[in-house]
Amino acid sequence: MGFIISLFGKKQYVCPFCHEHYTFSAMHARKLADKDGQIHCYYCRKVLQQLH
């Protein structure tokens, strides 16, 4: 059951500047987000865009 939840709870992001791809669980994404709800690239610190 936990595997199914984790499989569908993933969100994918990409950095528009350096094109680094990230995949976070919904819970991890909330923890990484700043006060405006944005997640920043680990390398260049630009705001990540969520892939749909």
N, C-alpha and C. Protein backbone atom coordinates (compact mmCIF):
# COMPACT_ATOMS: atom_id res chain seq x y z
N MET A 1 0.83 -1.20 0.00
CA MET A 1 0.00 0.00 0.00
C MET A 1 0.87 1.25 0.00
N GLY A 2 1.89 1.28 0.84
CA GLY A 2 2.77 2.44 0.89
C GLY A 2 3.50 2.67 -0.43
N PHE A 3 3.82 1.57 -1.13
CA PHE A 3 4.50 1.69 -2.42
C PHE A 3 3.60 2.39 -3.44
N ILE A 4 2.32 2.04 -3.46
CA ILE A 4 1.39 2.66 -4.40
C ILE A 4 1.25 4.15 -4.12
N ILE A 5 1.15 4.52 -2.87
CA ILE A 5 1.03 5.94 -2.51
C ILE A 5 2.28 6.70 -2.93
N SER A 6 3.46 6.13 -2.66
CA SER A 6 4.69 6.83 -3.02
C SER A 6 4.86 6.92 -4.53
N LEU A 7 4.36 5.93 -5.26
CA LEU A 7 4.47 5.94 -6.71
C LEU A 7 3.66 7.08 -7.33
N PHE A 8 2.47 7.31 -6.81
CA PHE A 8 1.61 8.35 -7.37
C PHE A 8 1.82 9.72 -6.73
N GLY A 9 2.58 9.79 -5.63
CA GLY A 9 2.78 11.04 -4.93
C GLY A 9 4.02 11.80 -5.36
N LYS A 10 4.59 11.48 -6.52
CA LYS A 10 5.82 12.13 -6.96
C LYS A 10 5.50 13.35 -7.82
N LYS A 11 6.32 14.39 -7.66
CA LYS A 11 6.20 15.58 -8.49
C LYS A 11 7.54 15.82 -9.16
N GLN A 12 7.52 16.14 -10.44
CA GLN A 12 8.74 16.37 -11.19
C GLN A 12 8.93 17.85 -11.45
N TYR A 13 10.18 18.29 -11.31
CA TYR A 13 10.54 19.69 -11.51
C TYR A 13 11.75 19.77 -12.42
N VAL A 14 11.90 20.91 -13.11
CA VAL A 14 13.08 21.15 -13.93
C VAL A 14 13.54 22.59 -13.70
N CYS A 15 14.85 22.79 -13.73
CA CYS A 15 15.40 24.14 -13.63
C CYS A 15 15.41 24.75 -15.03
N PRO A 16 14.78 25.90 -15.24
CA PRO A 16 14.75 26.51 -16.58
C PRO A 16 16.11 27.06 -17.01
N PHE A 17 17.04 27.21 -16.07
CA PHE A 17 18.34 27.80 -16.38
C PHE A 17 19.39 26.73 -16.72
N CYS A 18 19.59 25.76 -15.81
CA CYS A 18 20.62 24.74 -16.06
C CYS A 18 20.03 23.39 -16.48
N HIS A 19 18.69 23.28 -16.54
CA HIS A 19 17.97 22.10 -17.03
C HIS A 19 18.19 20.85 -16.18
N GLU A 20 18.52 21.05 -14.91
CA GLU A 20 18.64 19.93 -13.97
C GLU A 20 17.23 19.44 -13.62
N HIS A 21 17.01 18.13 -13.64
CA HIS A 21 15.70 17.56 -13.32
C HIS A 21 15.68 17.04 -11.89
N TYR A 22 14.53 17.19 -11.25
CA TYR A 22 14.33 16.74 -9.87
C TYR A 22 13.01 16.01 -9.78
N THR A 23 12.94 15.03 -8.89
CA THR A 23 11.69 14.34 -8.56
C THR A 23 11.59 14.29 -7.04
N PHE A 24 10.52 14.86 -6.52
CA PHE A 24 10.30 14.89 -5.08
C PHE A 24 8.94 14.29 -4.77
N SER A 25 8.82 13.69 -3.59
CA SER A 25 7.49 13.32 -3.12
C SER A 25 6.76 14.61 -2.75
N ALA A 26 5.45 14.56 -2.69
CA ALA A 26 4.67 15.75 -2.37
C ALA A 26 5.07 16.30 -1.00
N MET A 27 5.31 15.42 -0.04
CA MET A 27 5.69 15.85 1.31
C MET A 27 7.08 16.50 1.31
N HIS A 28 8.02 15.90 0.60
CA HIS A 28 9.38 16.45 0.52
C HIS A 28 9.37 17.80 -0.19
N ALA A 29 8.55 17.95 -1.23
CA ALA A 29 8.45 19.22 -1.95
C ALA A 29 7.95 20.33 -1.03
N ARG A 30 6.99 20.01 -0.17
CA ARG A 30 6.48 21.01 0.78
C ARG A 30 7.57 21.44 1.75
N LYS A 31 8.40 20.50 2.18
CA LYS A 31 9.49 20.82 3.12
C LYS A 31 10.56 21.69 2.46
N LEU A 32 10.83 21.47 1.18
CA LEU A 32 11.87 22.21 0.46
C LEU A 32 11.42 23.61 0.05
N ALA A 33 10.12 23.81 -0.05
CA ALA A 33 9.60 25.09 -0.56
C ALA A 33 9.89 26.23 0.41
N ASP A 34 10.15 27.41 -0.16
CA ASP A 34 10.35 28.60 0.67
C ASP A 34 9.00 29.17 1.09
N LYS A 35 9.01 30.33 1.71
CA LYS A 35 7.75 30.89 2.23
C LYS A 35 6.75 31.23 1.12
N ASP A 36 7.22 31.39 -0.12
CA ASP A 36 6.33 31.65 -1.25
C ASP A 36 5.90 30.37 -1.96
N GLY A 37 6.33 29.23 -1.44
CA GLY A 37 5.95 27.95 -2.03
C GLY A 37 6.80 27.54 -3.22
N GLN A 38 7.95 28.19 -3.41
CA GLN A 38 8.80 27.88 -4.55
C GLN A 38 9.99 27.04 -4.10
N ILE A 39 10.43 26.15 -4.99
CA ILE A 39 11.60 25.31 -4.74
C ILE A 39 12.72 25.81 -5.66
N HIS A 40 13.93 25.89 -5.13
CA HIS A 40 15.05 26.43 -5.89
C HIS A 40 16.02 25.33 -6.29
N CYS A 41 16.67 25.52 -7.43
CA CYS A 41 17.67 24.58 -7.94
C CYS A 41 18.82 24.46 -6.95
N TYR A 42 19.29 23.24 -6.76
CA TYR A 42 20.40 22.98 -5.85
C TYR A 42 21.69 23.62 -6.35
N TYR A 43 21.86 23.71 -7.66
CA TYR A 43 23.12 24.18 -8.24
C TYR A 43 23.14 25.68 -8.49
N CYS A 44 22.13 26.21 -9.17
CA CYS A 44 22.17 27.63 -9.56
C CYS A 44 21.18 28.50 -8.79
N ARG A 45 20.35 27.90 -7.95
CA ARG A 45 19.41 28.61 -7.07
C ARG A 45 18.27 29.31 -7.80
N LYS A 46 18.04 29.00 -9.07
CA LYS A 46 16.88 29.54 -9.79
C LYS A 46 15.63 28.79 -9.34
N VAL A 47 14.48 29.40 -9.54
CA VAL A 47 13.21 28.78 -9.15
C VAL A 47 12.88 27.64 -10.12
N LEU A 48 12.55 26.47 -9.57
CA LEU A 48 12.21 25.32 -10.40
C LEU A 48 10.79 25.44 -10.94
N GLN A 49 10.58 24.86 -12.12
CA GLN A 49 9.25 24.79 -12.72
C GLN A 49 8.76 23.36 -12.62
N GLN A 50 7.49 23.19 -12.23
CA GLN A 50 6.93 21.84 -12.12
C GLN A 50 6.54 21.33 -13.49
N LEU A 51 6.89 20.08 -13.78
CA LEU A 51 6.48 19.44 -15.03
C LEU A 51 5.11 18.83 -14.84
N HIS A 52 4.29 18.88 -15.88
CA HIS A 52 2.93 18.33 -15.78
C HIS A 52 2.83 17.05 -16.56
